[in-house]
Amino acid sequence: MGTKEVLTELRKGSGLTQDALAERLFVTRQAVSRWETGETTPNTETLKLISREFDVSINTLLGQPQEPICQSCAMPLREIDDLGTEADSGVSTEFCVHCYQDGSFTHNHSLDQMVESNLRFLSEFNAQNGLNFSEDEARTVLKLHLATLKRWKDN
């Protein structure tokens, strides 16, 4: 289910009209209508309001019930502030704020450079996941994993 279906279902499930939801979110009814038709997506601040209003996660609002990861660096995208931005100021559901801003990548890394960049977080990763990857093991695993992500798949 995509963002437009999630928003429509949440609104109707709460017995709200588009006008009533618009008033609660400080936007126009037309904005709500465009979200529900998929013409546009709410901006970051509005997604935060919607998340609080309906007590649902940002991932749910974005139509991604499973925890998504950045399709460049593999960082988990847990919070709205983790998400990058598109050129139109909308949120990117595919890339993190560190990799993608204003509709373009923040660094022109090669896959190997991205692997090395990610290795800076190896101790934290090992601690959070109860693992003990050496740098060489992590380098191998990272290269294989990152190569499956959207940014690197065709390279």
N, C-alpha and C. Protein backbone atom coordinates (compact mmCIF):
# COMPACT_ATOMS: atom_id res chain seq x y z
N MET A 1 0.85 -1.16 0.00
CA MET A 1 0.00 0.00 0.00
C MET A 1 0.90 1.24 0.00
N GLY A 2 0.61 2.20 -0.88
CA GLY A 2 1.39 3.41 -1.00
C GLY A 2 0.90 4.52 -0.08
N THR A 3 1.62 5.62 -0.08
CA THR A 3 1.30 6.75 0.78
C THR A 3 -0.13 7.23 0.55
N LYS A 4 -0.54 7.33 -0.71
CA LYS A 4 -1.89 7.85 -0.97
C LYS A 4 -2.97 6.96 -0.36
N GLU A 5 -2.78 5.63 -0.45
CA GLU A 5 -3.77 4.72 0.13
C GLU A 5 -3.75 4.76 1.65
N VAL A 6 -2.55 4.85 2.22
CA VAL A 6 -2.42 4.90 3.68
C VAL A 6 -3.11 6.15 4.22
N LEU A 7 -2.85 7.30 3.60
CA LEU A 7 -3.47 8.54 4.06
C LEU A 7 -4.99 8.50 3.95
N THR A 8 -5.48 8.00 2.83
CA THR A 8 -6.93 7.90 2.64
C THR A 8 -7.55 6.98 3.68
N GLU A 9 -6.92 5.84 3.91
CA GLU A 9 -7.44 4.87 4.88
C GLU A 9 -7.43 5.45 6.30
N LEU A 10 -6.36 6.13 6.67
CA LEU A 10 -6.28 6.74 8.00
C LEU A 10 -7.36 7.81 8.18
N ARG A 11 -7.51 8.65 7.17
CA ARG A 11 -8.50 9.73 7.25
C ARG A 11 -9.91 9.17 7.36
N LYS A 12 -10.26 8.27 6.46
CA LYS A 12 -11.61 7.70 6.47
C LYS A 12 -11.86 6.86 7.72
N GLY A 13 -10.83 6.13 8.15
CA GLY A 13 -10.96 5.31 9.35
C GLY A 13 -11.21 6.14 10.61
N SER A 14 -10.79 7.39 10.56
CA SER A 14 -11.01 8.30 11.69
C SER A 14 -12.28 9.12 11.51
N GLY A 15 -13.00 8.86 10.43
CA GLY A 15 -14.25 9.57 10.19
C GLY A 15 -14.06 11.04 9.83
N LEU A 16 -12.91 11.37 9.23
CA LEU A 16 -12.63 12.76 8.88
C LEU A 16 -12.87 13.01 7.41
N THR A 17 -13.35 14.20 7.11
CA THR A 17 -13.42 14.64 5.72
C THR A 17 -12.05 15.20 5.34
N GLN A 18 -11.85 15.42 4.05
CA GLN A 18 -10.60 16.06 3.63
C GLN A 18 -10.48 17.45 4.25
N ASP A 19 -11.59 18.17 4.33
CA ASP A 19 -11.57 19.50 4.95
C ASP A 19 -11.14 19.43 6.42
N ALA A 20 -11.71 18.47 7.16
CA ALA A 20 -11.39 18.34 8.58
C ALA A 20 -9.92 17.99 8.80
N LEU A 21 -9.40 17.07 7.98
CA LEU A 21 -7.99 16.70 8.09
C LEU A 21 -7.11 17.90 7.73
N ALA A 22 -7.46 18.60 6.68
CA ALA A 22 -6.69 19.78 6.27
C ALA A 22 -6.61 20.80 7.40
N GLU A 23 -7.72 21.01 8.08
CA GLU A 23 -7.75 21.97 9.19
C GLU A 23 -6.82 21.53 10.32
N ARG A 24 -6.82 20.25 10.63
CA ARG A 24 -5.96 19.72 11.70
C ARG A 24 -4.47 19.84 11.35
N LEU A 25 -4.18 19.75 10.05
CA LEU A 25 -2.78 19.75 9.62
C LEU A 25 -2.30 21.12 9.13
N PHE A 26 -3.21 22.11 9.17
CA PHE A 26 -2.87 23.47 8.73
C PHE A 26 -2.48 23.54 7.25
N VAL A 27 -3.22 22.78 6.44
CA VAL A 27 -3.02 22.78 4.98
C VAL A 27 -4.39 22.97 4.34
N THR A 28 -4.40 23.04 3.02
CA THR A 28 -5.67 23.19 2.30
C THR A 28 -6.29 21.82 2.02
N ARG A 29 -7.59 21.82 1.76
CA ARG A 29 -8.25 20.58 1.36
C ARG A 29 -7.65 20.07 0.05
N GLN A 30 -7.26 21.00 -0.82
CA GLN A 30 -6.66 20.60 -2.10
C GLN A 30 -5.35 19.83 -1.88
N ALA A 31 -4.58 20.25 -0.86
CA ALA A 31 -3.34 19.53 -0.57
C ALA A 31 -3.65 18.09 -0.17
N VAL A 32 -4.64 17.92 0.70
CA VAL A 32 -5.04 16.57 1.12
C VAL A 32 -5.51 15.77 -0.08
N SER A 33 -6.27 16.38 -0.94
CA SER A 33 -6.76 15.71 -2.15
C SER A 33 -5.60 15.26 -3.03
N ARG A 34 -4.62 16.13 -3.22
CA ARG A 34 -3.47 15.78 -4.08
C ARG A 34 -2.66 14.63 -3.46
N TRP A 35 -2.55 14.59 -2.12
CA TRP A 35 -1.85 13.48 -1.48
C TRP A 35 -2.60 12.17 -1.72
N GLU A 36 -3.92 12.24 -1.60
CA GLU A 36 -4.72 11.03 -1.73
C GLU A 36 -4.84 10.52 -3.16
N THR A 37 -4.60 11.39 -4.13
CA THR A 37 -4.58 10.94 -5.52
C THR A 37 -3.17 10.54 -5.96
N GLY A 38 -2.19 10.82 -5.11
CA GLY A 38 -0.81 10.49 -5.45
C GLY A 38 -0.12 11.54 -6.29
N GLU A 39 -0.79 12.66 -6.50
CA GLU A 39 -0.19 13.75 -7.29
C GLU A 39 1.03 14.34 -6.58
N THR A 40 0.95 14.45 -5.25
CA THR A 40 2.06 14.94 -4.45
C THR A 40 2.15 14.11 -3.17
N THR A 41 3.22 14.34 -2.42
CA THR A 41 3.43 13.69 -1.13
C THR A 41 3.63 14.78 -0.09
N PRO A 42 3.12 14.60 1.12
CA PRO A 42 3.34 15.62 2.16
C PRO A 42 4.82 15.87 2.40
N ASN A 43 5.17 17.11 2.74
CA ASN A 43 6.56 17.42 3.05
C ASN A 43 6.92 16.83 4.42
N THR A 44 8.18 16.95 4.78
CA THR A 44 8.69 16.33 6.01
C THR A 44 7.94 16.79 7.25
N GLU A 45 7.73 18.10 7.40
CA GLU A 45 7.06 18.61 8.59
C GLU A 45 5.61 18.12 8.66
N THR A 46 4.95 18.06 7.52
CA THR A 46 3.57 17.60 7.50
C THR A 46 3.49 16.10 7.81
N LEU A 47 4.45 15.34 7.31
CA LEU A 47 4.49 13.91 7.65
C LEU A 47 4.63 13.72 9.16
N LYS A 48 5.44 14.57 9.79
CA LYS A 48 5.58 14.48 11.25
C LYS A 48 4.23 14.75 11.94
N LEU A 49 3.52 15.77 11.46
CA LEU A 49 2.20 16.08 12.03
C LEU A 49 1.23 14.92 11.85
N ILE A 50 1.21 14.37 10.64
CA ILE A 50 0.30 13.25 10.35
C ILE A 50 0.66 12.05 11.24
N SER A 51 1.95 11.79 11.39
CA SER A 51 2.41 10.68 12.22
C SER A 51 1.90 10.84 13.65
N ARG A 52 2.00 12.06 14.19
CA ARG A 52 1.52 12.31 15.56
C ARG A 52 -0.02 12.27 15.62
N GLU A 53 -0.66 12.85 14.63
CA GLU A 53 -2.13 12.92 14.62
C GLU A 53 -2.76 11.53 14.65
N PHE A 54 -2.19 10.60 13.88
CA PHE A 54 -2.76 9.26 13.77
C PHE A 54 -1.98 8.20 14.54
N ASP A 55 -0.91 8.62 15.22
CA ASP A 55 -0.09 7.70 16.01
C ASP A 55 0.40 6.51 15.17
N VAL A 56 0.98 6.83 14.02
CA VAL A 56 1.55 5.81 13.15
C VAL A 56 2.98 6.21 12.80
N SER A 57 3.79 5.24 12.45
CA SER A 57 5.18 5.53 12.10
C SER A 57 5.27 6.18 10.73
N ILE A 58 6.36 6.86 10.52
CA ILE A 58 6.63 7.46 9.21
C ILE A 58 6.71 6.37 8.15
N ASN A 59 7.31 5.23 8.50
CA ASN A 59 7.40 4.12 7.54
C ASN A 59 6.02 3.70 7.07
N THR A 60 5.07 3.62 8.00
CA THR A 60 3.70 3.25 7.64
C THR A 60 3.12 4.29 6.70
N LEU A 61 3.31 5.58 7.01
CA LEU A 61 2.79 6.65 6.16
C LEU A 61 3.37 6.59 4.76
N LEU A 62 4.61 6.17 4.67
CA LEU A 62 5.26 6.10 3.36
C LEU A 62 4.97 4.78 2.64
N GLY A 63 4.11 3.97 3.24
CA GLY A 63 3.71 2.72 2.60
C GLY A 63 4.76 1.64 2.69
N GLN A 64 5.64 1.75 3.69
CA GLN A 64 6.72 0.79 3.85
C GLN A 64 6.71 0.23 5.28
N PRO A 65 5.87 -0.76 5.55
CA PRO A 65 5.78 -1.28 6.90
C PRO A 65 7.07 -1.90 7.41
N GLN A 66 7.90 -2.44 6.53
CA GLN A 66 9.18 -2.97 6.95
C GLN A 66 10.17 -1.82 7.04
N GLU A 67 11.14 -1.97 7.92
CA GLU A 67 12.12 -0.90 8.08
C GLU A 67 12.94 -0.78 6.79
N PRO A 68 12.82 0.35 6.13
CA PRO A 68 13.59 0.55 4.91
C PRO A 68 15.03 0.93 5.23
N ILE A 69 15.88 0.74 4.26
CA ILE A 69 17.27 1.16 4.39
C ILE A 69 17.61 2.08 3.23
N CYS A 70 18.58 2.93 3.45
CA CYS A 70 19.06 3.81 2.39
C CYS A 70 19.58 2.96 1.24
N GLN A 71 19.15 3.27 0.06
CA GLN A 71 19.54 2.52 -1.14
C GLN A 71 20.88 2.97 -1.70
N SER A 72 21.66 3.68 -0.85
CA SER A 72 23.01 4.07 -1.19
C SER A 72 24.01 3.51 -0.17
N CYS A 73 23.73 3.75 1.13
CA CYS A 73 24.68 3.36 2.18
C CYS A 73 24.18 2.24 3.10
N ALA A 74 22.91 1.88 2.99
CA ALA A 74 22.27 0.82 3.78
C ALA A 74 21.93 1.23 5.22
N MET A 75 21.98 2.53 5.51
CA MET A 75 21.59 3.00 6.84
C MET A 75 20.09 2.75 7.04
N PRO A 76 19.69 2.23 8.20
CA PRO A 76 18.25 2.08 8.45
C PRO A 76 17.56 3.45 8.45
N LEU A 77 16.41 3.53 7.84
CA LEU A 77 15.64 4.77 7.76
C LEU A 77 14.51 4.67 8.78
N ARG A 78 14.83 4.97 10.04
CA ARG A 78 13.88 4.78 11.14
C ARG A 78 13.04 6.00 11.43
N GLU A 79 13.60 7.15 11.25
CA GLU A 79 12.94 8.41 11.62
C GLU A 79 12.80 9.29 10.40
N ILE A 80 11.85 10.20 10.43
CA ILE A 80 11.65 11.13 9.32
C ILE A 80 12.91 11.95 9.06
N ASP A 81 13.64 12.28 10.13
CA ASP A 81 14.85 13.08 9.97
C ASP A 81 15.99 12.30 9.31
N ASP A 82 15.84 10.97 9.20
CA ASP A 82 16.84 10.15 8.51
C ASP A 82 16.69 10.25 6.99
N LEU A 83 15.52 10.67 6.52
CA LEU A 83 15.23 10.65 5.09
C LEU A 83 15.84 11.83 4.35
N GLY A 84 16.37 11.55 3.17
CA GLY A 84 16.87 12.61 2.31
C GLY A 84 15.72 13.41 1.72
N THR A 85 16.05 14.38 0.89
CA THR A 85 15.02 15.24 0.29
C THR A 85 15.13 15.25 -1.22
N GLU A 86 13.98 15.37 -1.84
CA GLU A 86 13.90 15.49 -3.30
C GLU A 86 14.06 16.96 -3.70
N ALA A 87 14.21 17.21 -4.97
CA ALA A 87 14.38 18.57 -5.47
C ALA A 87 13.19 19.46 -5.14
N ASP A 88 11.99 18.86 -5.04
CA ASP A 88 10.78 19.64 -4.74
C ASP A 88 10.54 19.77 -3.24
N SER A 89 11.53 19.45 -2.43
CA SER A 89 11.48 19.50 -0.96
C SER A 89 10.69 18.36 -0.34
N GLY A 90 10.18 17.44 -1.15
CA GLY A 90 9.52 16.25 -0.61
C GLY A 90 10.56 15.30 -0.05
N VAL A 91 10.10 14.31 0.69
CA VAL A 91 11.04 13.35 1.27
C VAL A 91 11.38 12.27 0.26
N SER A 92 12.58 11.78 0.37
CA SER A 92 13.01 10.63 -0.42
C SER A 92 12.77 9.40 0.44
N THR A 93 12.03 8.45 -0.08
CA THR A 93 11.79 7.22 0.67
C THR A 93 12.86 6.18 0.41
N GLU A 94 13.83 6.52 -0.44
CA GLU A 94 14.87 5.56 -0.81
C GLU A 94 16.26 5.87 -0.26
N PHE A 95 16.52 7.14 0.02
CA PHE A 95 17.88 7.53 0.39
C PHE A 95 17.90 8.35 1.68
N CYS A 96 18.98 8.23 2.44
CA CYS A 96 19.11 8.95 3.71
C CYS A 96 19.58 10.38 3.49
N VAL A 97 19.45 11.17 4.54
CA VAL A 97 19.83 12.57 4.52
C VAL A 97 21.33 12.74 4.30
N HIS A 98 22.13 11.76 4.68
CA HIS A 98 23.58 11.86 4.51
C HIS A 98 24.00 11.62 3.06
N CYS A 99 23.21 10.84 2.33
CA CYS A 99 23.54 10.49 0.95
C CYS A 99 22.82 11.33 -0.09
N TYR A 100 21.66 11.89 0.26
CA TYR A 100 20.79 12.46 -0.78
C TYR A 100 20.07 13.69 -0.24
N GLN A 101 20.31 14.83 -0.89
CA GLN A 101 19.64 16.07 -0.50
C GLN A 101 19.30 16.87 -1.75
N ASP A 102 18.14 17.47 -1.73
CA ASP A 102 17.68 18.32 -2.84
C ASP A 102 17.70 17.60 -4.18
N GLY A 103 17.40 16.30 -4.16
CA GLY A 103 17.27 15.54 -5.39
C GLY A 103 18.55 15.02 -6.00
N SER A 104 19.66 15.12 -5.26
CA SER A 104 20.91 14.57 -5.80
C SER A 104 21.79 14.02 -4.68
N PHE A 105 22.72 13.18 -5.05
CA PHE A 105 23.62 12.58 -4.08
C PHE A 105 24.57 13.63 -3.52
N THR A 106 24.87 13.52 -2.25
CA THR A 106 25.72 14.50 -1.58
C THR A 106 27.20 14.25 -1.86
N HIS A 107 27.55 13.02 -2.23
CA HIS A 107 28.94 12.67 -2.52
C HIS A 107 28.98 11.83 -3.79
N ASN A 108 30.03 11.98 -4.54
CA ASN A 108 30.21 11.18 -5.75
C ASN A 108 31.10 9.98 -5.44
N HIS A 109 30.72 9.25 -4.40
CA HIS A 109 31.49 8.07 -4.00
C HIS A 109 31.40 6.96 -5.05
N SER A 110 32.45 6.19 -5.13
CA SER A 110 32.38 4.91 -5.83
C SER A 110 31.87 3.90 -4.81
N LEU A 111 31.55 2.72 -5.26
CA LEU A 111 31.11 1.66 -4.34
C LEU A 111 32.19 1.39 -3.30
N ASP A 112 33.44 1.30 -3.73
CA ASP A 112 34.52 1.03 -2.79
C ASP A 112 34.67 2.16 -1.77
N GLN A 113 34.50 3.38 -2.19
CA GLN A 113 34.57 4.51 -1.25
C GLN A 113 33.42 4.46 -0.25
N MET A 114 32.24 4.04 -0.70
CA MET A 114 31.11 3.92 0.21
C MET A 114 31.36 2.83 1.25
N VAL A 115 31.95 1.74 0.82
CA VAL A 115 32.30 0.66 1.75
C VAL A 115 33.24 1.20 2.83
N GLU A 116 34.27 1.91 2.41
CA GLU A 116 35.23 2.45 3.37
C GLU A 116 34.57 3.48 4.30
N SER A 117 33.68 4.27 3.76
CA SER A 117 32.96 5.24 4.58
C SER A 117 32.12 4.53 5.64
N ASN A 118 31.45 3.46 5.27
CA ASN A 118 30.62 2.71 6.20
C ASN A 118 31.44 2.02 7.29
N LEU A 119 32.66 1.68 6.98
CA LEU A 119 33.49 0.99 7.96
C LEU A 119 33.78 1.85 9.19
N ARG A 120 33.58 3.15 9.09
CA ARG A 120 33.76 4.04 10.25
C ARG A 120 32.77 3.69 11.36
N PHE A 121 31.67 3.02 11.01
CA PHE A 121 30.63 2.69 11.96
C PHE A 121 30.64 1.22 12.36
N LEU A 122 31.73 0.53 12.08
CA LEU A 122 31.81 -0.91 12.34
C LEU A 122 31.65 -1.25 13.81
N SER A 123 32.32 -0.54 14.69
CA SER A 123 32.20 -0.84 16.13
C SER A 123 30.76 -0.68 16.60
N GLU A 124 30.11 0.40 16.18
CA GLU A 124 28.72 0.64 16.55
C GLU A 124 27.82 -0.46 16.00
N PHE A 125 28.03 -0.84 14.73
CA PHE A 125 27.24 -1.90 14.10
C PHE A 125 27.41 -3.22 14.86
N ASN A 126 28.66 -3.58 15.14
CA ASN A 126 28.93 -4.82 15.87
C ASN A 126 28.22 -4.80 17.23
N ALA A 127 28.32 -3.69 17.95
CA ALA A 127 27.71 -3.59 19.28
C ALA A 127 26.19 -3.70 19.22
N GLN A 128 25.57 -3.02 18.27
CA GLN A 128 24.11 -3.04 18.16
C GLN A 128 23.56 -4.39 17.76
N ASN A 129 24.36 -5.17 17.03
CA ASN A 129 23.87 -6.44 16.49
C ASN A 129 24.50 -7.67 17.14
N GLY A 130 25.30 -7.46 18.18
CA GLY A 130 25.94 -8.58 18.87
C GLY A 130 26.89 -9.34 17.97
N LEU A 131 27.56 -8.63 17.09
CA LEU A 131 28.48 -9.26 16.13
C LEU A 131 29.91 -8.86 16.45
N ASN A 132 30.83 -9.50 15.75
CA ASN A 132 32.24 -9.18 15.95
C ASN A 132 32.98 -9.27 14.62
N PHE A 133 32.44 -8.58 13.60
CA PHE A 133 33.10 -8.57 12.30
C PHE A 133 34.45 -7.87 12.41
N SER A 134 35.45 -8.46 11.79
CA SER A 134 36.73 -7.75 11.64
C SER A 134 36.54 -6.75 10.49
N GLU A 135 37.48 -5.85 10.33
CA GLU A 135 37.37 -4.88 9.25
C GLU A 135 37.35 -5.57 7.88
N ASP A 136 38.18 -6.58 7.71
CA ASP A 136 38.24 -7.29 6.43
C ASP A 136 36.93 -8.05 6.16
N GLU A 137 36.38 -8.70 7.19
CA GLU A 137 35.11 -9.41 7.02
C GLU A 137 34.00 -8.42 6.67
N ALA A 138 33.96 -7.32 7.40
CA ALA A 138 32.92 -6.31 7.15
C ALA A 138 33.07 -5.72 5.75
N ARG A 139 34.27 -5.48 5.33
CA ARG A 139 34.51 -4.93 3.99
C ARG A 139 33.92 -5.86 2.92
N THR A 140 34.14 -7.14 3.06
CA THR A 140 33.63 -8.12 2.10
C THR A 140 32.10 -8.15 2.11
N VAL A 141 31.52 -8.22 3.31
CA VAL A 141 30.06 -8.28 3.44
C VAL A 141 29.43 -6.99 2.92
N LEU A 142 30.00 -5.85 3.29
CA LEU A 142 29.47 -4.57 2.84
C LEU A 142 29.47 -4.45 1.33
N LYS A 143 30.58 -4.83 0.72
CA LYS A 143 30.66 -4.71 -0.74
C LYS A 143 29.59 -5.56 -1.42
N LEU A 144 29.38 -6.76 -0.92
CA LEU A 144 28.35 -7.63 -1.48
C LEU A 144 26.95 -7.05 -1.26
N HIS A 145 26.70 -6.55 -0.04
CA HIS A 145 25.38 -6.01 0.29
C HIS A 145 25.10 -4.71 -0.47
N LEU A 146 26.03 -3.78 -0.42
CA LEU A 146 25.81 -2.50 -1.10
C LEU A 146 25.57 -2.69 -2.60
N ALA A 147 26.23 -3.66 -3.18
CA ALA A 147 26.08 -3.91 -4.62
C ALA A 147 24.65 -4.30 -5.01
N THR A 148 23.83 -4.69 -4.03
CA THR A 148 22.43 -5.05 -4.31
C THR A 148 21.49 -3.84 -4.20
N LEU A 149 21.98 -2.73 -3.70
CA LEU A 149 21.14 -1.54 -3.51
C LEU A 149 20.98 -0.75 -4.80
N LYS A 150 19.90 -0.01 -4.87
CA LYS A 150 19.52 0.72 -6.08
C LYS A 150 20.65 1.56 -6.67
N ARG A 151 21.36 2.31 -5.84
CA ARG A 151 22.40 3.19 -6.35
C ARG A 151 23.54 2.42 -7.04
N TRP A 152 23.85 1.23 -6.57
CA TRP A 152 25.01 0.50 -7.02
C TRP A 152 24.70 -0.70 -7.91
N LYS A 153 23.43 -1.06 -7.99
CA LYS A 153 23.02 -2.30 -8.67
C LYS A 153 23.50 -2.38 -10.11
N ASP A 154 23.42 -1.30 -10.83
CA ASP A 154 23.76 -1.33 -12.25
C ASP A 154 25.21 -0.93 -12.55
N ASN A 155 25.99 -0.70 -11.49
CA ASN A 155 27.39 -0.28 -11.69
C ASN A 155 28.31 -1.46 -11.73
